[in-house]
Protein backbone atom coordinates (compact mmCIF):
# COMPACT_ATOMS: atom_id res chain seq x y z
CA UNK A 1 25.52 -8.88 29.15
CA UNK A 2 27.87 -6.43 27.82
CA UNK A 3 31.11 -5.10 30.31
CA UNK A 4 32.14 -1.91 30.42
CA UNK A 5 35.80 -1.32 31.80
CA UNK A 6 36.29 -0.07 35.36
CA UNK A 7 36.94 3.08 36.56
CA UNK A 8 38.57 4.59 39.53
CA UNK A 9 38.80 0.57 41.18
CA UNK A 10 41.14 1.80 43.59
CA UNK A 11 38.48 4.45 45.51
CA UNK A 12 36.44 2.11 44.50
CA UNK A 13 37.10 -0.81 46.30
CA UNK A 14 37.59 1.69 49.77
CA UNK A 15 34.93 3.02 49.28
CA UNK A 16 32.71 4.21 52.93
CA UNK A 17 30.34 5.98 53.58
CA UNK A 18 31.76 7.61 57.12
CA UNK A 19 34.28 9.41 55.22
CA UNK A 20 31.96 12.84 56.50
CA UNK A 21 35.65 14.52 55.00
CA UNK A 22 34.38 13.88 51.24
CA UNK A 23 30.65 14.00 52.78
CA UNK A 24 31.01 17.45 53.40
CA UNK A 25 33.43 19.30 52.01
CA UNK A 26 31.17 21.51 49.79
CA UNK A 27 29.43 22.32 53.10
CA UNK A 28 30.60 25.58 54.86
CA UNK A 29 30.58 25.12 58.96
CA UNK A 30 27.41 27.30 59.46
CA UNK A 31 25.73 25.55 57.20
CA UNK A 32 26.46 22.00 59.02
CA UNK A 33 25.86 23.84 62.31
CA UNK A 34 21.91 24.82 60.50
CA UNK A 35 21.56 21.33 59.39
CA UNK A 36 22.29 19.39 63.25
CA UNK A 37 19.57 22.66 64.60
CA UNK A 38 17.13 20.55 61.96
CA UNK A 39 17.81 16.86 63.11
CA UNK A 40 17.76 18.26 66.04
CA UNK A 41 14.15 19.01 66.08
CA UNK A 42 13.36 15.89 63.53
CA UNK A 43 14.58 14.21 66.06
CA UNK A 44 10.79 14.72 67.88
CA UNK A 45 7.24 13.88 66.36
CA UNK A 46 6.20 16.08 68.72
CA UNK A 47 7.83 19.23 67.54
CA UNK A 48 6.80 18.13 64.35
CA UNK A 49 3.48 17.63 64.48
CA UNK A 50 3.05 21.01 65.89
CA UNK A 51 5.63 23.03 64.83
CA UNK A 52 4.26 21.75 60.61
CA UNK A 53 0.72 22.60 61.97
CA UNK A 54 1.47 25.63 63.38
CA UNK A 55 3.18 26.64 60.10
CA UNK A 56 0.49 25.56 58.62
CA UNK A 57 -1.50 28.60 60.52
CA UNK A 58 0.55 31.35 59.79
CA UNK A 59 2.85 30.49 57.00
CA UNK A 60 0.99 34.04 55.52
CA UNK A 61 2.69 35.97 58.26
CA UNK A 62 5.78 37.72 56.41
CA UNK A 63 7.77 36.44 60.15
CA UNK A 64 6.98 33.41 60.30
CA UNK A 65 7.69 32.86 55.97
CA UNK A 66 10.90 34.03 56.59
CA UNK A 67 11.67 32.14 59.35
CA UNK A 68 10.63 28.88 57.23
CA UNK A 69 13.34 30.08 54.36
CA UNK A 70 16.59 30.84 56.64
CA UNK A 71 15.51 27.19 58.26
CA UNK A 72 14.09 24.14 56.96
CA UNK A 73 14.03 25.35 53.56
CA UNK A 74 17.13 26.31 53.57
CA UNK A 75 18.20 23.13 54.49
CA UNK A 76 15.79 21.05 52.13
CA UNK A 77 15.67 23.69 48.85
CA UNK A 78 17.72 24.72 46.48
CA UNK A 79 15.74 28.73 46.01
CA UNK A 80 12.81 30.25 44.41
CA UNK A 81 13.49 30.19 40.77
CA UNK A 82 15.50 28.49 38.34
CA UNK A 83 18.09 31.30 38.33
CA UNK A 84 18.34 31.02 41.81
CA UNK A 85 19.34 27.66 42.19
CA UNK A 86 22.01 27.81 39.10
CA UNK A 87 24.43 28.42 42.52
CA UNK A 88 23.72 25.42 42.84
CA UNK A 89 23.59 23.17 40.23
CA UNK A 90 27.92 24.69 40.03
CA UNK A 91 28.53 24.01 43.37
CA UNK A 92 27.02 20.35 43.69
CA UNK A 93 29.00 19.76 39.85
CA UNK A 94 32.08 21.13 41.68
CA UNK A 95 32.19 17.62 43.76
CA UNK A 96 31.16 15.63 40.30
CA UNK A 97 27.44 15.04 41.56
CA UNK A 98 24.82 15.76 39.10
CA UNK A 99 21.31 17.64 40.63
CA UNK A 100 17.93 17.11 39.40
CA UNK A 101 16.15 20.46 40.25
CA UNK A 102 11.98 19.88 40.97
CA UNK A 103 9.31 22.21 41.45
CA UNK A 104 7.83 20.98 43.66
CA UNK A 105 4.54 21.62 43.93
CA UNK A 106 1.52 19.14 44.89
CA UNK A 107 -1.90 18.67 44.54
CA UNK A 108 -2.99 22.01 42.72
CA UNK A 109 -7.05 22.31 41.84
CA UNK A 110 -7.60 23.86 38.81
CA UNK A 111 -6.56 23.10 34.85
CA UNK A 112 -4.58 26.98 34.74
CA UNK A 113 -2.06 26.05 37.99
CA UNK A 114 -2.10 22.54 35.98
CA UNK A 115 -0.84 24.08 32.79
CA UNK A 116 1.64 26.66 34.45
CA UNK A 117 2.92 23.80 36.37
CA UNK A 118 3.16 21.49 32.94
CA UNK A 119 4.44 24.96 31.29
CA UNK A 120 7.60 25.00 34.26
CA UNK A 121 8.48 21.55 34.17
CA UNK A 122 9.16 21.90 29.96
CA UNK A 123 10.91 25.44 31.06
CA UNK A 124 13.21 23.45 32.93
CA UNK A 125 13.77 21.06 30.57
CA UNK A 126 15.32 23.53 28.34
CA UNK A 127 17.09 25.25 31.42
CA UNK A 128 18.49 21.92 31.78
CA UNK A 129 19.49 20.73 28.38
CA UNK A 130 23.24 22.66 27.73
CA UNK A 131 24.12 21.57 31.23
CA UNK A 132 25.75 18.22 32.10
CA UNK A 133 25.83 18.62 35.23
CA UNK A 134 20.96 17.97 35.39
CA UNK A 135 20.71 15.13 33.76
CA UNK A 136 16.94 14.64 34.61
CA UNK A 137 13.55 15.99 35.28
CA UNK A 138 11.05 14.78 37.58
CA UNK A 139 7.45 15.48 38.70
CA UNK A 140 4.22 14.47 40.43
CA UNK A 141 0.77 13.17 38.55
CA UNK A 142 -0.49 14.88 41.33
CA UNK A 143 0.64 18.82 40.25
CA UNK A 144 -1.01 17.62 36.79
CA UNK A 145 -4.05 16.35 37.76
CA UNK A 146 -7.05 16.45 40.28
CA UNK A 147 -5.74 13.61 42.85
CA UNK A 148 -9.80 13.20 42.70
CA UNK A 149 -10.19 11.88 39.46
CA UNK A 150 -7.27 10.13 39.80
CA UNK A 151 -8.50 8.14 42.65
CA UNK A 152 -11.86 7.44 40.37
CA UNK A 153 -9.85 6.17 37.34
CA UNK A 154 -7.92 4.00 40.23
CA UNK A 155 -11.19 2.26 41.06
CA UNK A 156 -12.69 1.85 38.09
CA UNK A 157 -15.49 4.03 38.18
CA UNK A 158 -17.32 5.36 35.15
CA UNK A 159 -16.51 8.62 34.05
CA UNK A 160 -18.20 11.80 33.19
CA UNK A 161 -17.48 13.50 30.11
CA UNK A 162 -15.69 16.73 32.20
CA UNK A 163 -14.25 13.40 33.44
CA UNK A 164 -12.87 11.98 30.24
CA UNK A 165 -12.07 16.15 28.62
CA UNK A 166 -10.56 16.25 32.02
CA UNK A 167 -8.15 12.73 31.86
CA UNK A 168 -7.70 14.15 28.24
CA UNK A 169 -5.64 16.75 29.21
CA UNK A 170 -4.22 14.96 31.90
CA UNK A 171 -2.40 12.41 28.92
CA UNK A 172 -1.48 15.87 26.87
CA UNK A 173 0.01 17.62 29.35
CA UNK A 174 2.74 14.43 30.61
CA UNK A 175 2.78 13.71 26.89
CA UNK A 176 4.09 17.66 25.58
CA UNK A 177 7.05 16.71 28.83
CA UNK A 178 8.35 13.67 28.25
CA UNK A 179 7.96 14.02 24.45
CA UNK A 180 10.19 17.50 25.55
CA UNK A 181 12.63 15.54 27.54
CA UNK A 182 13.42 13.83 24.57
CA UNK A 183 14.21 16.42 22.45
CA UNK A 184 16.15 17.84 24.76
CA UNK A 185 17.96 14.61 25.65
CA UNK A 186 16.87 15.03 29.48
CA UNK A 187 15.70 12.17 31.39
CA UNK A 188 11.76 11.80 32.99
CA UNK A 189 10.68 10.32 36.02
CA UNK A 190 7.61 10.48 36.94
CA UNK A 191 7.04 9.69 40.53
CA UNK A 192 4.88 7.13 42.55
CA UNK A 193 2.18 8.51 45.16
CA UNK A 194 -0.68 7.43 47.21
CA UNK A 195 -1.77 3.33 46.36
CA UNK A 196 -5.22 4.59 45.93
CA UNK A 197 -4.13 7.05 42.91
CA UNK A 198 -1.05 4.98 41.97
CA UNK A 199 -2.80 2.99 38.75
CA UNK A 200 -3.31 6.12 36.61
CA UNK A 201 0.21 7.21 36.98
CA UNK A 202 1.28 3.11 36.44
CA UNK A 203 -0.31 3.38 32.88
CA UNK A 204 0.60 6.58 31.80
CA UNK A 205 4.70 5.89 32.45
CA UNK A 206 3.83 2.75 30.34
CA UNK A 207 2.52 4.30 28.12
CA UNK A 208 4.91 7.20 27.57
CA UNK A 209 7.72 4.61 28.00
CA UNK A 210 6.13 2.97 24.88
CA UNK A 211 6.19 5.62 22.90
CA UNK A 212 9.51 7.50 23.90
CA UNK A 213 12.20 4.32 25.27
CA UNK A 214 13.26 3.57 21.77
CA UNK A 215 16.90 2.59 21.92
CA UNK A 216 17.01 5.17 24.96
CA UNK A 217 15.70 5.38 28.01
CA UNK A 218 13.83 8.73 28.18
CA UNK A 219 11.22 8.30 30.50
CA UNK A 220 11.09 5.98 34.16
CA UNK A 221 8.46 4.94 36.04
CA UNK A 222 8.46 4.84 39.63
CA UNK A 223 8.68 1.42 41.69
CA UNK A 224 7.89 1.27 45.25
CA UNK A 225 8.78 -1.77 47.61
CA UNK A 226 7.51 -0.85 50.43
CA UNK A 227 4.25 -2.32 49.21
CA UNK A 228 4.12 -5.65 48.63
CA UNK A 229 3.60 -5.66 45.00
CA UNK A 230 6.51 -3.94 44.66
CA UNK A 231 9.13 -6.87 42.80
CA UNK A 232 6.48 -8.48 41.18
CA UNK A 233 5.31 -5.57 39.41
CA UNK A 234 8.82 -4.03 38.27
CA UNK A 235 9.60 -8.02 36.98
CA UNK A 236 5.96 -7.60 35.04
CA UNK A 237 6.43 -4.32 33.79
CA UNK A 238 10.20 -4.95 32.01
CA UNK A 239 8.32 -8.38 30.60
CA UNK A 240 5.41 -5.61 29.23
CA UNK A 241 8.96 -3.71 27.95
CA UNK A 242 10.72 -7.14 26.48
CA UNK A 243 7.12 -7.74 24.36
CA UNK A 244 6.50 -4.22 23.46
CA UNK A 245 10.71 -3.75 22.16
CA UNK A 246 10.65 -1.06 24.63
CA UNK A 247 13.52 0.22 27.06
CA UNK A 248 12.44 0.22 30.49
CA UNK A 249 13.33 3.02 32.87
CA UNK A 250 13.73 1.82 36.45
CA UNK A 251 13.36 4.35 39.00
CA UNK A 252 13.85 1.99 42.49
CA UNK A 253 13.18 3.54 45.53
CA UNK A 254 11.59 2.07 49.25
CA UNK A 255 8.59 4.43 49.45
CA UNK A 256 7.37 8.13 50.48
CA UNK A 257 4.31 8.21 51.97
CA UNK A 258 4.53 5.60 54.74
CA UNK A 259 3.03 7.35 57.50
CA UNK A 260 -0.31 8.05 54.74
CA UNK A 261 -0.33 4.03 53.68
CA UNK A 262 -0.19 3.46 57.22
CA UNK A 263 -3.48 5.16 58.58
CA UNK A 264 -5.29 4.93 55.28
CA UNK A 265 -5.04 0.66 55.67
CA UNK A 266 -6.39 1.38 59.26
CA UNK A 267 -9.87 2.66 58.02
CA UNK A 268 -12.42 0.05 57.67
CA UNK A 269 -13.32 -1.92 54.18
CA UNK A 270 -9.45 -1.20 53.46
CA UNK A 271 -6.42 -3.49 52.81
CA UNK A 272 -2.41 -3.19 53.98
CA UNK A 273 -0.80 -3.15 50.94
CA UNK A 274 2.79 -2.24 52.83
CA UNK A 275 4.91 -4.84 53.77
CA UNK A 276 5.03 -6.65 57.29
CA UNK A 277 7.94 -5.30 58.07
CA UNK A 278 10.82 -2.55 57.26
CA UNK A 279 13.48 -5.70 56.96
CA UNK A 280 10.86 -7.10 54.13
CA UNK A 281 10.84 -4.17 52.69
CA UNK A 282 14.97 -3.63 52.21
CA UNK A 283 15.19 -7.50 51.04
CA UNK A 284 13.24 -6.61 48.41
CA UNK A 285 14.43 -3.13 47.74
CA UNK A 286 18.33 -5.53 47.34
CA UNK A 287 16.65 -7.75 45.03
CA UNK A 288 15.35 -6.15 42.94
CA UNK A 289 18.17 -3.48 42.31
CA UNK A 290 20.25 -7.34 41.41
CA UNK A 291 17.42 -7.97 39.12
CA UNK A 292 17.76 -4.41 37.93
CA UNK A 293 22.00 -5.36 37.07
CA UNK A 294 21.04 -8.56 35.76
CA UNK A 295 18.78 -6.89 33.19
CA UNK A 296 20.70 -3.90 32.10
CA UNK A 297 20.40 -4.52 28.33
CA UNK A 298 16.81 -3.88 28.74
CA UNK A 299 16.88 -1.73 31.37
CA UNK A 300 18.08 1.56 33.12
CA UNK A 301 18.25 2.07 37.21
CA UNK A 302 18.05 5.10 38.34
CA UNK A 303 18.79 3.99 42.56
CA UNK A 304 16.73 6.56 44.50
CA UNK A 305 18.12 5.12 48.59
CA UNK A 306 19.48 6.56 51.62
CA UNK A 307 19.99 3.29 52.54
CA UNK A 308 24.41 2.49 53.18
CA UNK A 309 23.14 -1.12 52.48
CA UNK A 310 21.93 -0.78 49.48
CA UNK A 311 24.26 1.20 48.33
CA UNK A 312 26.80 -0.93 49.21
CA UNK A 313 24.65 -4.31 47.57
CA UNK A 314 24.77 -2.20 44.44
CA UNK A 315 28.07 -0.87 44.07
CA UNK A 316 29.57 -4.75 45.11
CA UNK A 317 27.28 -6.10 42.08
CA UNK A 318 28.65 -3.17 39.57
CA UNK A 319 31.73 -4.86 40.65
CA UNK A 320 31.96 -8.25 39.94
CA UNK A 321 29.61 -7.45 36.74
CA UNK A 322 31.92 -5.59 35.32
CA UNK A 323 29.89 -2.07 35.19
CA UNK A 324 31.77 0.24 35.62
CA UNK A 325 31.18 3.35 37.76
CA UNK A 326 30.38 5.91 35.18
CA UNK A 327 28.09 3.36 33.17
CA UNK A 328 25.07 6.19 31.95
CA UNK A 329 22.66 3.32 32.55
CA UNK A 330 23.24 3.21 35.95
CA UNK A 331 22.78 6.09 38.57
CA UNK A 332 22.70 6.86 42.26
CA UNK A 333 20.14 9.79 43.83
CA UNK A 334 19.84 11.68 47.35
CA UNK A 335 17.74 14.33 48.61
CA UNK A 336 19.31 17.53 48.61
CA UNK A 337 19.81 17.97 52.45
CA UNK A 338 19.85 14.64 53.28
CA UNK A 339 22.66 11.38 52.86
CA UNK A 340 25.44 13.68 51.95
CA UNK A 341 27.66 10.94 53.49
CA UNK A 342 25.75 8.47 50.59
CA UNK A 343 26.12 11.32 47.62
CA UNK A 344 29.72 12.63 47.84
CA UNK A 345 31.49 9.31 48.08
CA UNK A 346 29.78 7.78 45.39
CA UNK A 347 30.89 10.55 43.91
CA UNK A 348 34.41 10.28 44.89
CA UNK A 349 34.30 6.67 43.92
CA UNK A 350 32.92 7.40 39.69
CA UNK A 351 29.71 6.18 40.11
CA UNK A 352 26.53 8.68 38.57
CA UNK A 353 25.39 10.82 41.74
CA UNK A 354 22.22 12.69 41.75
CA UNK A 355 20.71 15.11 44.36
CA UNK A 356 17.23 15.62 44.26
CA UNK A 357 16.65 19.31 44.78
CA UNK A 358 13.21 21.04 45.36
CA UNK A 359 12.63 24.86 44.52
CA UNK A 360 9.49 27.07 44.36
CA UNK A 361 8.21 29.81 46.73
CA UNK A 362 7.98 28.68 50.70
CA UNK A 363 4.10 28.50 50.61
CA UNK A 364 3.98 26.02 47.37
CA UNK A 365 7.20 24.36 48.86
CA UNK A 366 5.80 23.45 52.30
CA UNK A 367 4.14 20.03 51.63
CA UNK A 368 7.07 18.81 50.47
CA UNK A 369 8.72 20.16 53.26
CA UNK A 370 6.09 18.54 55.47
CA UNK A 371 6.81 15.07 54.03
CA UNK A 372 10.15 15.79 54.20
CA UNK A 373 10.27 15.94 58.33
CA UNK A 374 7.44 13.73 58.83
CA UNK A 375 9.38 10.73 56.98
CA UNK A 376 12.69 11.45 59.11
CA UNK A 377 10.47 11.24 62.02
CA UNK A 378 8.96 8.27 60.92
CA UNK A 379 12.05 6.49 59.70
CA UNK A 380 14.19 4.70 62.87
CA UNK A 381 17.53 5.76 62.80
CA UNK A 382 17.20 8.73 59.93
CA UNK A 383 17.94 11.42 61.52
CA UNK A 384 20.07 10.15 64.17
CA UNK A 385 22.38 8.53 61.58
CA UNK A 386 22.34 12.21 59.76
CA UNK A 387 23.36 13.87 62.89
CA UNK A 388 25.71 11.34 64.44
CA UNK A 389 27.63 12.10 60.63
CA UNK A 390 26.89 15.91 60.69
CA UNK A 391 28.47 16.40 64.44
CA UNK A 392 31.61 13.90 63.55
CA UNK A 393 32.19 16.36 61.03
CA UNK A 394 31.91 18.98 63.02
CA UNK A 395 34.05 17.52 65.76
CA UNK A 396 36.72 16.51 62.91
CA UNK A 397 37.23 20.64 62.09
CA UNK A 398 37.44 21.39 65.10
CA UNK A 399 39.93 18.77 66.15
CA UNK A 400 42.26 19.65 63.76
CA UNK A 401 41.70 23.34 63.13
CA UNK A 402 40.15 23.10 59.38
């Protein structure tokens, strides 16, 4: 395995995710207070459940849209347009944190909207190309294709002529995005989605990697470790990449749809595809990260994690394997508005850290925001930990007169 000089060694060896002075250096006290209120609210499943219902029913009202934009939207999103997000990009990069803007429009229902989303993603790729702060673009296939069509393909159902034509157009959309990524040297992350539409996503991702990951990694597929098949699927994907003589792009995550997956598994005739418990998922994620680093000559790793233990695990392995923090084959990613203590401390230690910053108008971004709120409520300790660190930093500033 190729080794790289280990830079920033002193700080890397003393990396601590408890350092809130580094974690929140770019946040004003007013911004921290807003984050504190958001995470207090997300500790209540009742408030999240009923609040999202209320917003869904009343978002057409200007007063409600304004309220959402000044609260939940402000904590987790960058702005309504690419230009709105420029100040976020520059602010993050001043702390050596990269940005990945995401056009967070989900589950559209017609070709005009799918084409519009494709055009917007390519516009973002061109916008990102001259900026070192923007190395990645990401998209969900459900923003480019009918979920009903994806489910039919996943289930092996016979496609009508209309379906086949629609699927051909979907593949063209995905290819145009990946081709733009290849041309403008922007890495493309294809997000994973619900298990009942995942097979066509994986097949398309593998085809795009085979086409564009020749000599460098442009396209990444997402590997969800909360699924029982997660690690095995990753290993099989690497075997296919080696066989096809292309590099594998790995976005490694635990999984973002745990509540929906659990509800699906409870329906008659459905199998539970999830791991039996979180400990199994945690172990699988760390084993998969180890596997990726051991095979770094054949792949690139984007570790999308909010788990401190996994962050330390990857850092420790990089040190042991002499993989430099700045190695372009290893990136860490966290969502904007969450886990600043991980992102900023990794960046301070010289690692490649990325914040995923969603953008889009308030109405279209609401499904993403609702999912963020539900995930924080469902994951034991996530909001507690965020809240604990925000309070710690606010107390530090008060005590030290910052």
